N, C-alpha and C. Protein backbone atom coordinates (compact mmCIF):
# COMPACT_ATOMS: atom_id res chain seq x y z
N UNK A 1 6.38 -14.30 -1.20
CA UNK A 1 4.28 -15.07 -0.54
C UNK A 1 4.47 -15.43 0.13
N UNK A 2 3.77 -15.33 1.33
CA UNK A 2 3.45 -16.54 1.71
C UNK A 2 2.56 -17.40 1.57
N UNK A 3 2.80 -18.30 2.44
CA UNK A 3 2.24 -19.63 2.24
C UNK A 3 0.58 -19.35 2.15
N UNK A 4 -0.02 -19.08 2.66
CA UNK A 4 -1.24 -19.53 1.73
C UNK A 4 -1.86 -18.71 0.88
N UNK A 5 -0.33 -18.06 0.68
CA UNK A 5 -0.83 -17.28 -0.90
C UNK A 5 -0.22 -18.49 -2.08
N UNK A 6 -0.40 -19.64 -2.05
CA UNK A 6 -0.43 -20.30 -2.67
C UNK A 6 -0.97 -20.46 -3.52
N UNK A 7 -2.21 -20.03 -3.73
CA UNK A 7 -3.66 -20.38 -4.72
C UNK A 7 -3.11 -19.25 -5.83
N UNK A 8 -2.56 -18.06 -5.39
CA UNK A 8 -2.76 -16.70 -5.64
C UNK A 8 -1.45 -16.91 -6.12
N UNK A 9 -0.21 -16.64 -5.82
CA UNK A 9 1.70 -16.58 -6.34
C UNK A 9 1.75 -18.06 -6.96
N UNK A 10 2.29 -18.29 -8.30
CA UNK A 10 2.80 -18.89 -8.72
C UNK A 10 4.02 -18.54 -9.30
N UNK A 11 5.57 -19.28 -8.33
CA UNK A 11 6.49 -19.15 -9.01
C UNK A 11 7.14 -19.56 -9.84
N UNK A 12 7.22 -18.92 -11.60
CA UNK A 12 8.02 -19.34 -12.48
C UNK A 12 8.96 -19.86 -12.92
N UNK A 13 10.13 -19.58 -12.62
CA UNK A 13 11.25 -18.97 -12.34
C UNK A 13 11.99 -18.68 -11.89
N UNK A 14 13.29 -19.39 -10.71
CA UNK A 14 14.29 -18.10 -10.26
C UNK A 14 15.63 -18.96 -10.91
N UNK A 15 16.87 -17.91 -10.60
CA UNK A 15 17.96 -17.68 -10.94
C UNK A 15 18.94 -18.01 -10.02
N UNK A 16 19.76 -19.44 -10.53
CA UNK A 16 20.58 -20.41 -9.97
C UNK A 16 21.68 -19.70 -9.24
N UNK A 17 21.23 -17.82 -9.59
CA UNK A 17 23.39 -17.07 -9.51
C UNK A 17 22.52 -16.20 -7.99
N UNK A 18 21.46 -15.65 -8.64
CA UNK A 18 21.10 -14.67 -7.22
C UNK A 18 19.66 -14.93 -6.33
N UNK A 19 18.86 -13.65 -5.75
CA UNK A 19 18.01 -14.25 -5.42
C UNK A 19 16.72 -14.21 -6.28
N UNK A 20 16.75 -13.68 -7.23
CA UNK A 20 15.53 -13.32 -8.29
C UNK A 20 15.00 -14.86 -9.19
N UNK A 21 13.57 -14.40 -8.98
CA UNK A 21 12.47 -14.70 -9.10
C UNK A 21 11.56 -14.29 -10.45
N UNK A 22 11.06 -14.92 -10.96
CA UNK A 22 9.91 -14.45 -11.68
C UNK A 22 8.42 -15.44 -11.55
N UNK A 23 7.28 -14.48 -10.87
CA UNK A 23 6.35 -15.39 -11.37
C UNK A 23 5.28 -15.20 -11.82
N UNK A 24 3.52 -15.51 -10.87
CA UNK A 24 2.50 -14.82 -11.68
C UNK A 24 1.27 -14.19 -10.91
N UNK A 25 1.40 -13.49 -10.08
CA UNK A 25 0.12 -13.25 -8.94
C UNK A 25 -1.20 -13.12 -9.20
N UNK A 26 -2.38 -13.70 -9.39
CA UNK A 26 -3.73 -13.21 -9.37
C UNK A 26 -3.96 -12.12 -8.30
N UNK A 27 -5.20 -11.77 -9.03
CA UNK A 27 -6.07 -10.61 -8.13
C UNK A 27 -7.36 -11.24 -8.83
N UNK A 28 -7.99 -9.90 -8.22
CA UNK A 28 -9.65 -10.21 -8.42
C UNK A 28 -9.73 -9.87 -9.47
N UNK A 29 -8.85 -8.59 -10.02
CA UNK A 29 -9.06 -8.69 -11.15
C UNK A 29 -7.72 -8.39 -12.49
N UNK A 30 -7.98 -9.83 -12.56
CA UNK A 30 -6.38 -9.92 -13.37
C UNK A 30 -5.23 -10.27 -12.69
N UNK A 31 -4.46 -10.47 -13.32
CA UNK A 31 -3.04 -11.48 -13.52
C UNK A 31 -1.65 -10.48 -13.63
N UNK A 32 -1.27 -10.39 -12.67
CA UNK A 32 0.06 -8.79 -12.80
C UNK A 32 1.64 -10.06 -12.93
N UNK A 33 2.45 -10.22 -13.47
CA UNK A 33 3.41 -10.70 -14.25
C UNK A 33 4.47 -10.17 -13.88
N UNK A 34 4.97 -10.95 -12.40
CA UNK A 34 6.33 -10.45 -12.12
C UNK A 34 7.54 -10.99 -12.04
N UNK A 35 8.67 -9.81 -11.90
CA UNK A 35 8.81 -8.17 -11.57
C UNK A 35 7.71 -7.45 -12.55
N UNK A 36 6.46 -6.54 -11.87
CA UNK A 36 5.98 -5.67 -12.97
C UNK A 36 6.35 -3.76 -12.60
N UNK A 37 5.96 -3.59 -13.95
CA UNK A 37 6.34 -1.63 -13.99
C UNK A 37 5.09 -1.72 -13.74
N UNK A 38 4.79 -0.75 -12.29
CA UNK A 38 3.24 -0.41 -12.12
C UNK A 38 3.14 1.34 -12.23
N UNK A 39 2.46 1.32 -13.12
CA UNK A 39 2.66 2.88 -13.36
C UNK A 39 2.01 3.85 -12.15
N UNK A 40 1.75 5.00 -11.69
CA UNK A 40 1.34 5.58 -10.97
C UNK A 40 0.16 6.42 -11.07
N UNK A 41 -0.55 6.26 -10.88
CA UNK A 41 -2.10 7.22 -10.86
C UNK A 41 -2.66 8.06 -10.18
N UNK A 42 -1.87 8.82 -9.32
CA UNK A 42 -1.63 9.11 -7.59
C UNK A 42 -3.20 9.11 -7.63
N UNK A 43 -4.08 10.08 -8.10
CA UNK A 43 -5.20 10.65 -8.51
C UNK A 43 -6.39 9.92 -9.03
N UNK A 44 -6.30 9.25 -8.94
CA UNK A 44 -6.93 7.80 -10.02
C UNK A 44 -7.11 8.36 -11.49
N UNK A 45 -5.16 9.00 -12.13
CA UNK A 45 -5.18 8.54 -13.18
C UNK A 45 -3.41 8.78 -13.21
N UNK A 46 -3.25 7.96 -14.41
CA UNK A 46 -1.96 8.12 -14.82
C UNK A 46 -1.57 9.85 -15.73
N UNK A 47 -0.94 10.41 -14.94
CA UNK A 47 -1.04 11.97 -15.83
C UNK A 47 -0.27 11.42 -17.17
N UNK A 48 -0.82 12.14 -18.28
CA UNK A 48 -0.27 12.22 -19.73
C UNK A 48 -0.70 11.06 -20.33
N UNK A 49 -1.25 9.99 -19.75
CA UNK A 49 -1.28 8.59 -20.51
C UNK A 49 -3.35 7.76 -19.78
N UNK A 50 -3.75 7.87 -21.21
CA UNK A 50 -5.32 7.45 -21.18
C UNK A 50 -5.43 5.90 -20.57
N UNK A 51 -6.69 5.67 -19.42
CA UNK A 51 -6.78 4.08 -19.40
C UNK A 51 -6.81 2.89 -20.25
N UNK A 52 -7.31 3.43 -22.19
CA UNK A 52 -7.20 2.52 -23.24
C UNK A 52 -5.67 2.54 -23.01
N UNK A 53 -4.51 3.83 -22.94
CA UNK A 53 -3.39 3.85 -23.75
C UNK A 53 -2.36 3.07 -22.83
N UNK A 54 -2.62 2.72 -21.62
CA UNK A 54 -2.07 1.89 -20.64
C UNK A 54 -2.67 -0.19 -20.88
N UNK A 55 -3.92 -0.22 -21.57
CA UNK A 55 -4.17 -1.58 -22.33
C UNK A 55 -3.64 -1.52 -22.67
N UNK A 56 -3.23 -0.66 -24.15
CA UNK A 56 -2.28 -1.00 -25.56
C UNK A 56 -0.89 -1.00 -24.49
N UNK A 57 -0.12 -1.08 -23.95
CA UNK A 57 0.81 -0.57 -23.43
C UNK A 57 1.48 -2.38 -23.02
N UNK A 58 0.05 -2.65 -22.48
CA UNK A 58 0.57 -3.97 -21.98
C UNK A 58 0.59 -3.63 -19.82
N UNK A 59 0.31 -2.53 -19.59
CA UNK A 59 0.30 -2.38 -18.14
C UNK A 59 -0.81 -3.20 -17.31
N UNK A 60 -0.04 -3.88 -16.37
CA UNK A 60 -1.40 -5.21 -15.97
C UNK A 60 -1.50 -4.50 -14.37
N UNK A 61 -1.27 -3.42 -13.93
CA UNK A 61 -0.92 -2.82 -12.73
C UNK A 61 -1.31 -1.25 -12.84
N UNK A 62 -1.73 0.03 -11.81
CA UNK A 62 -1.32 0.74 -11.18
C UNK A 62 -1.70 1.07 -9.95
N UNK A 63 -1.19 1.80 -9.11
CA UNK A 63 -1.28 2.32 -8.46
C UNK A 63 -2.07 3.74 -7.94
N UNK A 64 -2.35 3.66 -7.31
CA UNK A 64 -3.68 5.04 -6.34
C UNK A 64 -2.97 5.28 -5.49
N UNK A 65 -3.13 6.61 -4.91
CA UNK A 65 -2.79 7.10 -3.56
C UNK A 65 -3.79 7.87 -2.85
N UNK A 66 -3.67 6.72 -2.01
CA UNK A 66 -4.02 6.65 -0.59
C UNK A 66 -5.04 8.31 -0.15
N UNK A 67 -3.39 8.40 0.25
CA UNK A 67 -3.92 10.16 0.64
C UNK A 67 -4.73 11.03 0.43
N UNK A 68 -4.11 11.32 -0.89
CA UNK A 68 -4.75 12.34 -1.84
C UNK A 68 -6.07 12.01 -2.62
N UNK A 69 -6.45 10.70 -2.84
CA UNK A 69 -7.66 10.54 -2.91
C UNK A 69 -8.61 10.22 -2.15
N UNK A 70 -8.35 10.36 -0.51
CA UNK A 70 -8.60 10.54 0.72
C UNK A 70 -9.24 12.28 0.55
N UNK A 71 -8.28 12.86 0.29
CA UNK A 71 -8.23 14.49 0.18
C UNK A 71 -8.90 14.61 -0.99
N UNK A 72 -8.80 14.53 -2.20
CA UNK A 72 -9.21 14.66 -3.24
C UNK A 72 -9.41 13.56 -4.76
N UNK A 73 -10.59 13.27 -5.02
CA UNK A 73 -12.22 14.50 -4.85
C UNK A 73 -12.85 13.20 -3.64
N UNK A 74 -11.95 12.90 -2.65
CA UNK A 74 -12.43 12.16 -1.46
C UNK A 74 -13.89 10.62 -1.64
N UNK A 75 -13.72 10.06 -0.78
CA UNK A 75 -14.02 8.92 -0.56
C UNK A 75 -15.85 9.39 -1.09
N UNK A 76 -16.23 9.91 -0.94
CA UNK A 76 -18.16 10.46 -0.85
C UNK A 76 -18.06 10.09 -2.71
N UNK A 77 -17.18 10.69 -3.60
CA UNK A 77 -16.87 10.67 -4.62
C UNK A 77 -16.90 9.41 -5.46
N UNK A 78 -15.21 8.57 -4.88
CA UNK A 78 -15.29 7.56 -5.03
C UNK A 78 -16.24 6.54 -5.20
N UNK A 79 -16.92 6.32 -3.69
CA UNK A 79 -18.25 5.51 -3.67
C UNK A 79 -19.36 5.83 -4.43
N UNK A 80 -19.36 7.17 -4.86
CA UNK A 80 -20.49 7.75 -6.22
C UNK A 80 -20.57 6.90 -7.17
N UNK A 81 -19.17 6.69 -7.65
CA UNK A 81 -19.01 5.82 -9.01
C UNK A 81 -18.76 4.29 -9.08
N UNK A 82 -19.20 4.01 -7.42
CA UNK A 82 -18.74 2.69 -7.79
C UNK A 82 -17.71 2.44 -7.15
N UNK A 83 -16.30 2.62 -7.27
CA UNK A 83 -14.94 2.29 -6.75
C UNK A 83 -14.06 2.99 -7.66
N UNK A 84 -12.55 2.89 -6.72
CA UNK A 84 -11.49 3.77 -7.19
C UNK A 84 -11.77 3.07 -9.37
N UNK A 85 -11.66 1.60 -9.19
CA UNK A 85 -11.97 1.11 -10.77
C UNK A 85 -12.76 1.83 -11.72
N UNK A 86 -14.22 1.62 -11.39
CA UNK A 86 -15.17 2.73 -12.85
C UNK A 86 -14.98 4.08 -12.11
N UNK A 87 -13.95 4.36 -11.36
CA UNK A 87 -13.90 6.22 -10.95
C UNK A 87 -12.96 6.17 -12.32
N UNK A 88 -11.51 5.16 -11.92
CA UNK A 88 -11.30 5.46 -13.80
C UNK A 88 -10.81 5.13 -14.88
N UNK A 89 -12.41 3.75 -14.86
CA UNK A 89 -12.13 2.81 -15.72
C UNK A 89 -11.05 2.63 -16.38
N UNK A 90 -10.68 1.64 -15.53
CA UNK A 90 -9.68 0.88 -15.30
C UNK A 90 -10.38 -0.86 -14.34
N UNK A 91 -9.82 -1.76 -15.59
CA UNK A 91 -10.73 -2.95 -14.97
C UNK A 91 -9.51 -4.29 -14.52
N UNK A 92 -7.89 -3.10 -14.99
CA UNK A 92 -7.28 -4.40 -13.88
C UNK A 92 -6.93 -3.63 -12.87
N UNK A 93 -6.18 -4.96 -12.38
CA UNK A 93 -5.99 -5.12 -10.77
C UNK A 93 -4.60 -3.00 -10.82
N UNK A 94 -5.38 -2.85 -8.78
CA UNK A 94 -5.03 -1.65 -8.82
C UNK A 94 -4.36 -1.46 -7.10
N UNK A 95 -3.04 -1.44 -6.50
CA UNK A 95 -2.70 -1.38 -6.17
C UNK A 95 -2.53 0.30 -4.95
N UNK A 96 -3.44 0.11 -3.44
CA UNK A 96 -3.44 1.57 -2.87
C UNK A 96 -1.85 1.79 -2.03
N UNK A 97 -1.45 2.55 -1.89
CA UNK A 97 -0.32 2.80 -0.88
C UNK A 97 -1.95 3.07 0.75
N UNK A 98 -0.46 3.08 1.81
CA UNK A 98 -1.50 3.29 3.00
C UNK A 98 -1.48 4.94 3.55
N UNK A 99 -0.29 5.69 2.62
CA UNK A 99 -0.25 7.56 3.27
C UNK A 99 0.91 6.77 4.02
N UNK A 100 1.88 5.84 4.38
CA UNK A 100 2.93 6.64 5.06
C UNK A 100 4.16 7.48 4.07
N UNK A 101 4.19 7.54 3.03
CA UNK A 101 4.86 8.05 2.35
C UNK A 101 4.20 10.04 2.36
N UNK A 102 2.69 10.61 2.82
CA UNK A 102 2.68 11.13 2.71
C UNK A 102 3.14 11.92 3.92
N UNK A 103 3.10 10.80 5.48
CA UNK A 103 3.12 11.22 6.32
C UNK A 103 4.73 11.60 6.85
N UNK A 104 5.56 10.96 5.76
CA UNK A 104 6.96 11.83 5.28
C UNK A 104 7.20 13.28 4.85
N UNK A 105 6.02 12.65 3.87
CA UNK A 105 7.16 15.16 2.94
C UNK A 105 5.99 15.37 3.66
N UNK A 106 5.12 15.51 4.95
CA UNK A 106 4.22 16.34 5.03
C UNK A 106 4.47 16.38 6.16
N UNK A 107 6.05 16.21 6.60
CA UNK A 107 6.76 16.62 8.02
C UNK A 107 6.08 18.54 9.05
N UNK A 108 5.98 18.91 8.04
CA UNK A 108 5.38 20.00 8.87
C UNK A 108 4.31 20.08 8.37
N UNK A 109 3.27 19.65 9.46
CA UNK A 109 2.09 19.65 9.10
C UNK A 109 1.00 18.30 9.94
N UNK A 110 2.13 17.09 10.97
CA UNK A 110 1.61 16.47 10.89
C UNK A 110 2.52 16.50 11.86
N UNK A 111 1.65 15.06 13.02
CA UNK A 111 1.97 14.85 14.81
C UNK A 111 1.82 13.17 14.20
N UNK A 112 2.73 12.41 15.04
CA UNK A 112 2.97 11.20 14.40
C UNK A 112 2.22 11.31 16.28
N UNK A 113 1.61 9.92 16.29
CA UNK A 113 1.75 9.36 17.85
C UNK A 113 1.44 7.77 17.33
N UNK A 114 0.92 6.44 18.16
CA UNK A 114 0.88 5.40 18.66
C UNK A 114 -0.12 4.77 17.84
N UNK A 115 -1.01 5.82 17.91
CA UNK A 115 -2.83 5.95 17.45
C UNK A 115 -3.12 6.17 16.45
N UNK A 116 -2.22 6.55 15.80
CA UNK A 116 -1.76 7.15 14.40
C UNK A 116 -1.13 8.91 14.00
N UNK A 117 -2.28 8.97 12.80
CA UNK A 117 -1.45 10.79 12.23
C UNK A 117 -2.88 12.18 12.05
N UNK A 118 -2.07 12.54 13.24
CA UNK A 118 -2.97 13.87 13.22
C UNK A 118 -1.64 14.67 11.94
N UNK A 119 -2.97 15.66 10.78
CA UNK A 119 -2.21 15.96 9.64
C UNK A 119 -3.59 17.08 9.35
N UNK A 120 -2.63 18.41 8.61
CA UNK A 120 -3.38 19.00 7.71
C UNK A 120 -3.06 19.03 6.42
N UNK A 121 -4.42 18.77 4.81
CA UNK A 121 -4.61 19.06 4.33
C UNK A 121 -3.36 19.50 3.91
N UNK A 122 -2.45 19.17 2.68
CA UNK A 122 -1.89 20.36 1.62
C UNK A 122 -2.92 21.37 1.48
N UNK A 123 -4.25 20.78 0.74
CA UNK A 123 -4.80 21.52 0.32
C UNK A 123 -5.27 23.14 0.72
N UNK A 124 -5.87 22.55 2.11
CA UNK A 124 -6.82 24.00 2.51
C UNK A 124 -6.60 24.11 3.99
N UNK A 125 -5.81 22.93 4.49
CA UNK A 125 -5.53 22.77 5.94
C UNK A 125 -6.08 22.42 6.78
N UNK A 126 -7.02 21.62 6.66
CA UNK A 126 -8.17 21.12 7.07
C UNK A 126 -7.48 19.77 7.77
N UNK A 127 -7.67 19.76 9.05
CA UNK A 127 -7.58 18.84 10.12
C UNK A 127 -7.97 17.76 9.51
N UNK A 128 -6.73 16.76 9.89
CA UNK A 128 -7.64 15.18 9.41
C UNK A 128 -7.22 14.08 9.73
N UNK A 129 -7.19 12.78 10.52
CA UNK A 129 -6.49 12.00 10.91
C UNK A 129 -6.72 10.30 10.25
N UNK A 130 -5.23 9.75 9.51
CA UNK A 130 -5.28 8.35 9.91
C UNK A 130 -4.68 7.83 10.77
N UNK A 131 -4.90 6.65 11.04
CA UNK A 131 -4.82 5.50 11.94
C UNK A 131 -4.32 4.23 10.64
N UNK A 132 -4.40 2.92 11.27
CA UNK A 132 -3.88 1.90 10.81
C UNK A 132 -5.57 1.17 10.41
N UNK A 133 -6.75 1.55 11.43
CA UNK A 133 -7.33 0.93 11.00
C UNK A 133 -8.24 1.89 9.83
N UNK A 134 -8.29 3.30 10.23
CA UNK A 134 -8.96 4.29 9.57
C UNK A 134 -8.32 4.07 7.67
N UNK A 135 -6.63 3.66 7.54
CA UNK A 135 -6.34 3.28 6.30
C UNK A 135 -6.85 2.10 5.80
N UNK A 136 -6.88 1.48 6.38
CA UNK A 136 -8.05 0.31 6.17
C UNK A 136 -8.75 0.20 5.44
N UNK A 137 -9.98 1.22 6.23
CA UNK A 137 -11.12 1.37 5.96
C UNK A 137 -11.04 2.67 4.25
N UNK A 138 -10.28 3.22 3.99
CA UNK A 138 -10.45 4.19 3.05
C UNK A 138 -9.57 3.37 1.67
N UNK A 139 -9.08 2.40 2.01
CA UNK A 139 -8.42 1.69 1.21
C UNK A 139 -9.24 0.52 0.78
N UNK A 140 -10.58 0.54 1.79
CA UNK A 140 -11.06 -1.03 1.43
C UNK A 140 -12.98 -0.41 0.36
N UNK A 141 -12.92 1.33 0.69
CA UNK A 141 -13.99 2.25 0.29
C UNK A 141 -13.36 2.00 -1.22
N UNK A 142 -11.83 2.57 -1.32
CA UNK A 142 -11.72 3.15 -3.16
C UNK A 142 -11.25 1.12 -3.82
N UNK A 143 -11.92 -0.16 -3.16
CA UNK A 143 -12.21 -0.95 -3.88
C UNK A 143 -10.47 -2.03 -4.66
N UNK A 144 -9.74 -1.18 -4.03
CA UNK A 144 -8.23 -2.06 -4.43
C UNK A 144 -7.89 -3.14 -4.35
N UNK A 145 -6.90 -3.61 -5.11
CA UNK A 145 -7.11 -5.41 -5.34
C UNK A 145 -5.88 -5.29 -4.24
N UNK A 146 -4.62 -4.75 -4.34
CA UNK A 146 -3.50 -5.24 -2.40
C UNK A 146 -3.72 -3.71 -2.13
N UNK A 147 -3.90 -4.00 -1.38
CA UNK A 147 -3.81 -3.10 0.29
C UNK A 147 -2.38 -3.03 0.87
N UNK A 148 -2.14 -2.14 0.96
CA UNK A 148 -0.31 -1.40 1.84
C UNK A 148 -0.80 -1.19 3.43
N UNK A 149 -0.39 -2.06 3.96
CA UNK A 149 -0.45 -1.23 5.87
C UNK A 149 0.22 -0.28 5.41
N UNK A 150 0.25 0.78 6.66
CA UNK A 150 -0.11 1.84 7.00
C UNK A 150 1.69 1.77 7.72
N UNK A 151 2.21 2.29 7.14
CA UNK A 151 4.32 2.38 7.85
C UNK A 151 4.32 4.11 7.34
N UNK A 152 5.20 4.24 8.70
CA UNK A 152 6.46 5.58 9.22
C UNK A 152 6.80 5.89 7.71
N UNK A 153 7.56 6.66 6.79
CA UNK A 153 8.79 6.57 6.16
C UNK A 153 9.40 7.19 6.73
N UNK A 154 10.54 7.42 7.12
CA UNK A 154 11.95 7.91 7.88
C UNK A 154 12.44 9.14 6.69
N UNK A 155 13.32 9.81 6.72
CA UNK A 155 13.54 10.50 6.76
C UNK A 155 15.06 9.92 6.15
N UNK A 156 16.06 10.84 5.44
CA UNK A 156 17.32 10.31 5.18
C UNK A 156 18.33 11.81 4.83
N UNK A 157 18.71 11.99 5.78
CA UNK A 157 19.64 10.72 7.08
C UNK A 157 18.97 10.75 8.01
N UNK A 158 18.58 9.93 8.66
CA UNK A 158 18.29 9.75 9.90
C UNK A 158 19.15 9.09 10.89
N UNK A 159 18.97 9.29 12.43
CA UNK A 159 19.04 8.73 13.73
C UNK A 159 18.88 7.60 13.54
N UNK A 160 20.32 6.36 14.11
CA UNK A 160 19.75 5.26 14.07
C UNK A 160 18.73 5.18 15.13
N UNK A 161 18.32 5.70 16.07
CA UNK A 161 17.00 5.53 17.52
C UNK A 161 16.17 6.20 16.77
N UNK A 162 15.93 7.33 16.22
CA UNK A 162 14.51 7.27 15.96
C UNK A 162 14.50 6.50 14.47
N UNK A 163 15.42 5.57 13.54
CA UNK A 163 14.75 5.03 13.18
C UNK A 163 13.89 3.58 12.78
N UNK A 164 14.81 3.22 14.72
CA UNK A 164 14.16 2.24 15.35
C UNK A 164 12.92 2.54 15.80
N UNK A 165 13.21 3.24 16.61
CA UNK A 165 11.58 3.35 17.27
C UNK A 165 10.46 3.36 15.74
N UNK A 166 10.48 3.51 14.90
CA UNK A 166 9.27 4.30 13.80
C UNK A 166 9.57 2.31 13.19
N UNK A 167 9.98 1.89 13.12
CA UNK A 167 10.26 0.74 12.67
C UNK A 167 9.23 -0.31 13.59
N UNK A 168 9.25 0.24 14.99
CA UNK A 168 8.49 -0.29 16.30
C UNK A 168 7.12 0.00 15.79
N UNK A 169 6.95 1.03 15.45
CA UNK A 169 5.80 1.58 15.28
C UNK A 169 5.10 1.12 14.17
N UNK A 170 5.74 0.86 12.74
CA UNK A 170 5.39 0.89 11.38
C UNK A 170 5.23 -1.40 11.91
N UNK A 171 5.56 -1.41 13.02
CA UNK A 171 4.95 -3.20 12.92
C UNK A 171 4.10 -3.27 13.94
N UNK A 172 3.72 -2.63 14.94
CA UNK A 172 2.89 -1.89 15.93
C UNK A 172 1.74 -2.01 14.49
N UNK A 173 1.28 -0.50 14.00
CA UNK A 173 0.44 -0.15 12.92
C UNK A 173 -0.04 -1.29 11.81
N UNK A 174 1.20 -1.97 11.63
CA UNK A 174 1.07 -3.29 10.71
C UNK A 174 0.21 -4.51 11.16
N UNK A 175 0.08 -5.31 12.80
CA UNK A 175 -0.56 -6.08 13.83
C UNK A 175 -2.32 -5.48 13.68
N UNK A 176 -2.26 -3.87 13.52
CA UNK A 176 -3.23 -4.09 13.59
C UNK A 176 -4.21 -3.25 12.13
N UNK A 177 -3.99 -3.09 11.15
CA UNK A 177 -4.18 -3.33 9.83
C UNK A 177 -4.20 -4.83 9.37
N UNK A 178 -3.95 -5.97 9.75
CA UNK A 178 -3.51 -7.17 9.94
C UNK A 178 -5.52 -8.01 10.60
N UNK A 179 -5.12 -7.23 11.63
CA UNK A 179 -6.54 -7.38 12.44
C UNK A 179 -7.32 -6.94 11.57
N UNK A 180 -7.77 -6.06 10.95
CA UNK A 180 -8.80 -5.60 10.59
C UNK A 180 -8.95 -6.27 9.06
N UNK A 181 -8.31 -6.47 8.54
CA UNK A 181 -8.02 -7.38 7.46
C UNK A 181 -8.88 -9.14 7.44
N UNK A 182 -8.41 -9.36 8.60
CA UNK A 182 -8.79 -10.67 8.64
C UNK A 182 -9.58 -10.67 9.52
N UNK A 183 -10.63 -9.45 10.49
CA UNK A 183 -11.84 -9.40 10.77
C UNK A 183 -12.59 -9.38 9.09
N UNK A 184 -12.72 -9.00 7.92
CA UNK A 184 -13.28 -9.08 7.00
C UNK A 184 -12.78 -9.96 5.31
N UNK A 185 -12.11 -10.69 6.01
CA UNK A 185 -11.68 -11.92 5.31
C UNK A 185 -12.43 -12.20 3.96
N UNK A 186 -13.66 -12.43 5.07
CA UNK A 186 -14.57 -13.47 4.13
C UNK A 186 -15.54 -12.52 3.11
N UNK A 187 -15.47 -11.13 3.60
CA UNK A 187 -16.07 -9.85 2.49
C UNK A 187 -15.74 -9.79 1.06
N UNK A 188 -14.26 -9.56 0.88
CA UNK A 188 -13.39 -9.19 0.26
C UNK A 188 -12.33 -9.80 0.12
N UNK A 189 -11.65 -9.99 -1.18
CA UNK A 189 -10.39 -10.67 -2.06
C UNK A 189 -9.45 -9.96 -1.79
N UNK A 190 -9.64 -8.75 -1.28
CA UNK A 190 -8.62 -7.56 -1.76
C UNK A 190 -7.05 -8.56 -0.94
N UNK A 191 -5.75 -8.33 -1.13
CA UNK A 191 -4.58 -9.25 -0.59
C UNK A 191 -4.03 -7.46 -0.32
N UNK A 192 -3.29 -7.82 1.34
CA UNK A 192 -2.62 -7.35 2.67
C UNK A 192 -0.95 -7.39 2.10
N UNK A 193 -0.39 -6.14 1.49
CA UNK A 193 1.08 -6.60 1.81
C UNK A 193 1.72 -5.88 2.86
N UNK A 194 2.60 -6.37 3.81
CA UNK A 194 3.20 -5.80 5.02
C UNK A 194 5.06 -5.01 4.34
N UNK A 195 5.27 -4.07 5.09
CA UNK A 195 6.65 -3.23 4.62
C UNK A 195 7.17 -3.38 5.55
N UNK A 196 8.87 -3.33 5.13
CA UNK A 196 9.79 -3.74 6.34
C UNK A 196 10.14 -2.35 6.38
N UNK A 197 10.41 -1.42 7.51
CA UNK A 197 10.93 -0.61 7.57
C UNK A 197 12.77 -0.32 8.30
N UNK A 198 12.78 0.37 8.56
CA UNK A 198 14.30 0.48 9.53
C UNK A 198 15.32 1.64 8.54
N UNK A 199 14.70 2.41 7.66
CA UNK A 199 15.47 3.00 6.80
C UNK A 199 16.51 3.09 6.03
N UNK A 200 17.93 3.45 6.44
CA UNK A 200 19.42 2.70 5.39
C UNK A 200 20.01 1.85 6.37
N UNK A 201 19.51 1.82 7.84
CA UNK A 201 20.20 0.47 8.76
C UNK A 201 20.10 -0.21 8.55
N UNK A 202 21.00 -1.72 7.78
CA UNK A 202 20.75 -2.77 7.90
C UNK A 202 19.88 -3.78 9.06
N UNK A 203 20.54 -3.86 9.71
CA UNK A 203 20.05 -4.75 11.32
C UNK A 203 18.61 -4.03 11.47
N UNK A 204 18.22 -3.13 11.40
CA UNK A 204 16.74 -2.31 11.18
C UNK A 204 15.95 -3.57 10.69
N UNK A 205 16.25 -3.49 9.04
CA UNK A 205 15.43 -4.47 8.14
C UNK A 205 15.47 -5.37 8.78
N UNK A 206 16.90 -6.28 8.74
CA UNK A 206 16.64 -7.52 8.94
C UNK A 206 15.60 -8.51 10.11
N UNK A 207 15.67 -6.77 11.73
CA UNK A 207 14.65 -7.42 12.42
C UNK A 207 13.29 -7.30 11.76
N UNK A 208 13.56 -5.48 10.97
CA UNK A 208 11.32 -5.99 10.57
C UNK A 208 11.02 -7.02 9.57
N UNK A 209 12.25 -7.70 8.82
CA UNK A 209 11.47 -8.89 7.82
C UNK A 209 10.82 -9.80 8.58
N UNK A 210 11.38 -10.65 9.58
CA UNK A 210 10.75 -12.20 10.09
C UNK A 210 9.64 -11.40 10.74
N UNK A 211 9.58 -10.09 11.38
CA UNK A 211 8.10 -9.82 12.14
C UNK A 211 7.38 -9.77 10.59
N UNK A 212 7.29 -9.18 9.68
CA UNK A 212 6.87 -9.06 8.86
C UNK A 212 6.07 -10.57 8.34
N UNK A 213 7.02 -10.82 8.65
CA UNK A 213 6.75 -12.64 7.73
C UNK A 213 6.16 -13.72 8.75
N UNK A 214 6.30 -12.81 9.83
CA UNK A 214 5.33 -13.65 11.42
C UNK A 214 4.18 -13.15 11.25
N UNK A 215 3.81 -12.33 10.11
CA UNK A 215 2.42 -11.61 10.34
C UNK A 215 1.10 -12.04 9.57
N UNK A 216 2.14 -12.70 8.34
CA UNK A 216 1.76 -14.30 7.66
C UNK A 216 0.76 -13.27 6.84
N UNK A 217 1.31 -12.63 6.57
CA UNK A 217 0.55 -11.33 5.02
C UNK A 217 0.57 -11.43 3.70
N UNK A 218 -0.64 -11.19 3.14
CA UNK A 218 -0.49 -12.19 1.71
C UNK A 218 1.09 -11.89 0.43
N UNK A 219 1.83 -10.35 0.62
CA UNK A 219 3.31 -10.36 0.45
C UNK A 219 3.82 -9.49 1.25
């Protein structure tokens, strides 16, 4: 967590023999003890587990999938119910991914450019487009507590040159996501997290990390 998060993230303990640490992250919908297990609620529900059961299991945060919620049930339905929290009857913190993994998984149905990603959704083949700005707009409409920047998740195995280009693209998109978040900072308590890319190439990951730190994300 970065310096301006000092009021939201409390470091409780560190390990003397490694970089492991334990902390507490405050969000608009509650506190998360880190490290945390985060159940995946792809389309607004954790499969086979009700919100009541999640509470009984002491789950502190769940994940929602930006792409899948955007495609179905769609933002109009989510907005009608007053946001993702009310839609899924969950009062705790929610983290939404950016759709970056779906950019990877829909490889045969998408086209990536500097501007964003044009794709055909997996349900009916309808064309859609997601840019960093749109990814932030979707996550704002969902009302998540933690949003992720739009990134490209590279395949494995992956050529070095492609991974390097992808890391540069992710950095460019991260800057645009940050610009949107900064503009909307006065009206939202949403935290924005950066993503380190570079595939399995350590040198690319080491180059990506300080760039994300310099952008001063919430996490």
